[in-house]
Structure formats: structure tokens, C-alpha cells
């Protein structure tokens, strides 16, 4: 995917913001991990990545059908008055926040050197 980001940047010369990325089911955390690794790799190759939009935050019913789409950070149906958090995705989101903070901290040190 980082090569796709690089190709888009080379073609259009614009910064890139990855919008509306998710996957259904139990691999939500794995998908976020993959996307974040690819974004960091693109940045290492000079692609100006501006951000990642995790979408949707709330799992939902399908657009064209009544099929449940479990792809959000929160599940659709509340339990005991609260939305259920998809714990693996929440943990991976926290992990990626730390990794990006470390990544940009290291990059800031390299620029200052």
C-alpha cells in the first residue's frame, strides 16, 4: 500500500490523507496495524501522509441490506446503556498512537541533527 501512496503523490503532487479505512469482523485490529505500518513506510519514503481516518467509528447496518457490518470501534447495539467497545481494535488504536508518537519523535530528532 505504501507504493500506492507514493504513486498517487508522484502523480498528483499532493499531500495524502487516508480516509474511510476499515475491515469487517475480528481482523479490525490487524487491518489497522497493517494500514499504520504502510503509512509509516510511505512517510519514510518521503510521501507527505497527513493522517488516517478510522471509519466508521460505529458498526452499522449495511447500506443496501439489513446485514450487520461489524467494522467500527464501537458495536451498534448498546448493552446496559453503553456501546460495546471492540477491545482488540481499541488496544491497537492505543498502540498505534504510541508508535506514531515515537515515530514522529524520532523523525523530529533526525531533522534537528
Protein backbone atom coordinates (compact mmCIF):
# COMPACT_ATOMS: atom_id res chain seq x y z
CA UNK A 1 0.00 0.00 0.00
CA UNK A 2 2.88 2.41 0.68
CA UNK A 3 3.78 2.12 -3.02
CA UNK A 4 0.24 3.09 -3.94
CA UNK A 5 0.51 6.16 -1.71
CA UNK A 6 3.85 7.02 -3.33
CA UNK A 7 2.42 6.62 -6.83
CA UNK A 8 -0.56 8.85 -6.02
CA UNK A 9 1.73 11.51 -4.57
CA UNK A 10 4.07 11.32 -7.58
CA UNK A 11 1.16 11.65 -9.98
CA UNK A 12 -0.73 14.47 -8.28
CA UNK A 13 1.93 16.15 -6.15
CA UNK A 14 -0.46 16.49 -3.23
CA UNK A 15 -0.40 15.51 0.43
CA UNK A 16 -2.36 12.36 1.22
CA UNK A 17 -4.99 11.77 3.87
CA UNK A 18 -6.20 8.17 4.07
CA UNK A 19 -9.96 8.37 4.58
CA UNK A 20 -12.54 5.76 5.48
CA UNK A 21 -10.43 2.70 6.17
CA UNK A 22 -11.77 -0.36 7.96
CA UNK A 23 -12.50 -4.04 7.60
CA UNK A 24 -15.36 -6.14 8.90
CA UNK A 25 -15.07 -8.74 11.61
CA UNK A 26 -12.42 -9.88 14.00
CA UNK A 27 -9.45 -8.65 11.94
CA UNK A 28 -10.17 -4.97 12.64
CA UNK A 29 -7.05 -4.62 14.81
CA UNK A 30 -4.90 -6.42 12.24
CA UNK A 31 -6.17 -4.14 9.49
CA UNK A 32 -5.35 -1.01 11.49
CA UNK A 33 -1.89 -2.41 12.25
CA UNK A 34 -1.27 -3.07 8.53
CA UNK A 35 -2.52 0.36 7.47
CA UNK A 36 -0.45 2.19 10.10
CA UNK A 37 2.71 0.28 9.15
CA UNK A 38 2.16 1.13 5.49
CA UNK A 39 1.57 4.81 6.27
CA UNK A 40 4.81 4.97 8.28
CA UNK A 41 6.64 3.23 5.42
CA UNK A 42 5.25 5.78 2.94
CA UNK A 43 6.44 8.62 5.18
CA UNK A 44 9.91 7.03 5.36
CA UNK A 45 9.93 7.17 1.55
CA UNK A 46 9.06 10.87 1.53
CA UNK A 47 5.31 10.68 0.96
CA UNK A 48 3.56 13.51 2.83
CA UNK A 49 0.89 11.50 4.66
CA UNK A 50 -1.37 13.81 6.65
CA UNK A 51 -3.47 11.33 8.58
CA UNK A 52 -5.63 8.24 8.80
CA UNK A 53 -9.40 8.33 9.28
CA UNK A 54 -10.71 5.23 11.01
CA UNK A 55 -14.21 4.91 9.58
CA UNK A 56 -16.73 4.07 10.71
CA UNK A 57 -16.33 4.52 14.43
CA UNK A 58 -19.70 2.85 14.99
CA UNK A 59 -20.54 -0.51 13.38
CA UNK A 60 -23.72 -0.24 11.31
CA UNK A 61 -26.34 -1.95 9.20
CA UNK A 62 -25.49 -2.39 5.51
CA UNK A 63 -26.39 0.39 3.08
CA UNK A 64 -28.30 -1.81 0.65
CA UNK A 65 -29.40 -4.56 3.02
CA UNK A 66 -30.11 -5.20 6.67
CA UNK A 67 -26.87 -7.14 7.19
CA UNK A 68 -24.90 -6.12 10.28
CA UNK A 69 -21.45 -4.71 9.38
CA UNK A 70 -19.14 -5.15 12.41
CA UNK A 71 -16.40 -2.76 11.37
CA UNK A 72 -16.38 0.01 13.96
CA UNK A 73 -14.58 0.75 17.17
CA UNK A 74 -17.98 0.58 18.89
CA UNK A 75 -20.69 -2.01 18.27
CA UNK A 76 -24.12 -0.84 17.17
CA UNK A 77 -26.26 -2.22 19.97
CA UNK A 78 -25.71 -0.79 23.45
CA UNK A 79 -25.55 -3.09 26.46
CA UNK A 80 -26.51 -1.75 29.87
CA UNK A 81 -26.85 1.72 28.38
CA UNK A 82 -23.34 1.81 26.88
CA UNK A 83 -21.92 0.93 23.49
CA UNK A 84 -19.67 -2.12 23.50
CA UNK A 85 -16.07 -1.33 22.52
CA UNK A 86 -14.32 -3.75 20.18
CA UNK A 87 -11.45 -4.31 22.62
CA UNK A 88 -8.81 -5.58 20.14
CA UNK A 89 -9.29 -2.53 17.91
CA UNK A 90 -9.23 -0.17 20.90
CA UNK A 91 -5.98 -1.73 22.11
CA UNK A 92 -4.42 -1.49 18.63
CA UNK A 93 -5.53 2.13 18.30
CA UNK A 94 -3.77 2.97 21.58
CA UNK A 95 -0.68 1.03 20.41
CA UNK A 96 -0.60 2.86 17.07
CA UNK A 97 -0.94 6.23 18.80
CA UNK A 98 2.20 5.39 20.82
CA UNK A 99 4.06 4.12 17.74
CA UNK A 100 3.24 7.26 15.74
CA UNK A 101 4.32 9.47 18.64
CA UNK A 102 7.64 7.59 18.80
CA UNK A 103 7.98 7.67 15.01
CA UNK A 104 7.47 11.40 14.75
CA UNK A 105 9.68 11.99 17.78
CA UNK A 106 12.48 10.10 16.03
CA UNK A 107 11.84 11.98 12.80
CA UNK A 108 11.94 15.32 14.60
CA UNK A 109 15.32 14.34 16.12
CA UNK A 110 16.68 13.42 12.65
CA UNK A 111 15.59 16.78 11.18
CA UNK A 112 17.20 18.69 14.05
CA UNK A 113 20.53 16.82 13.69
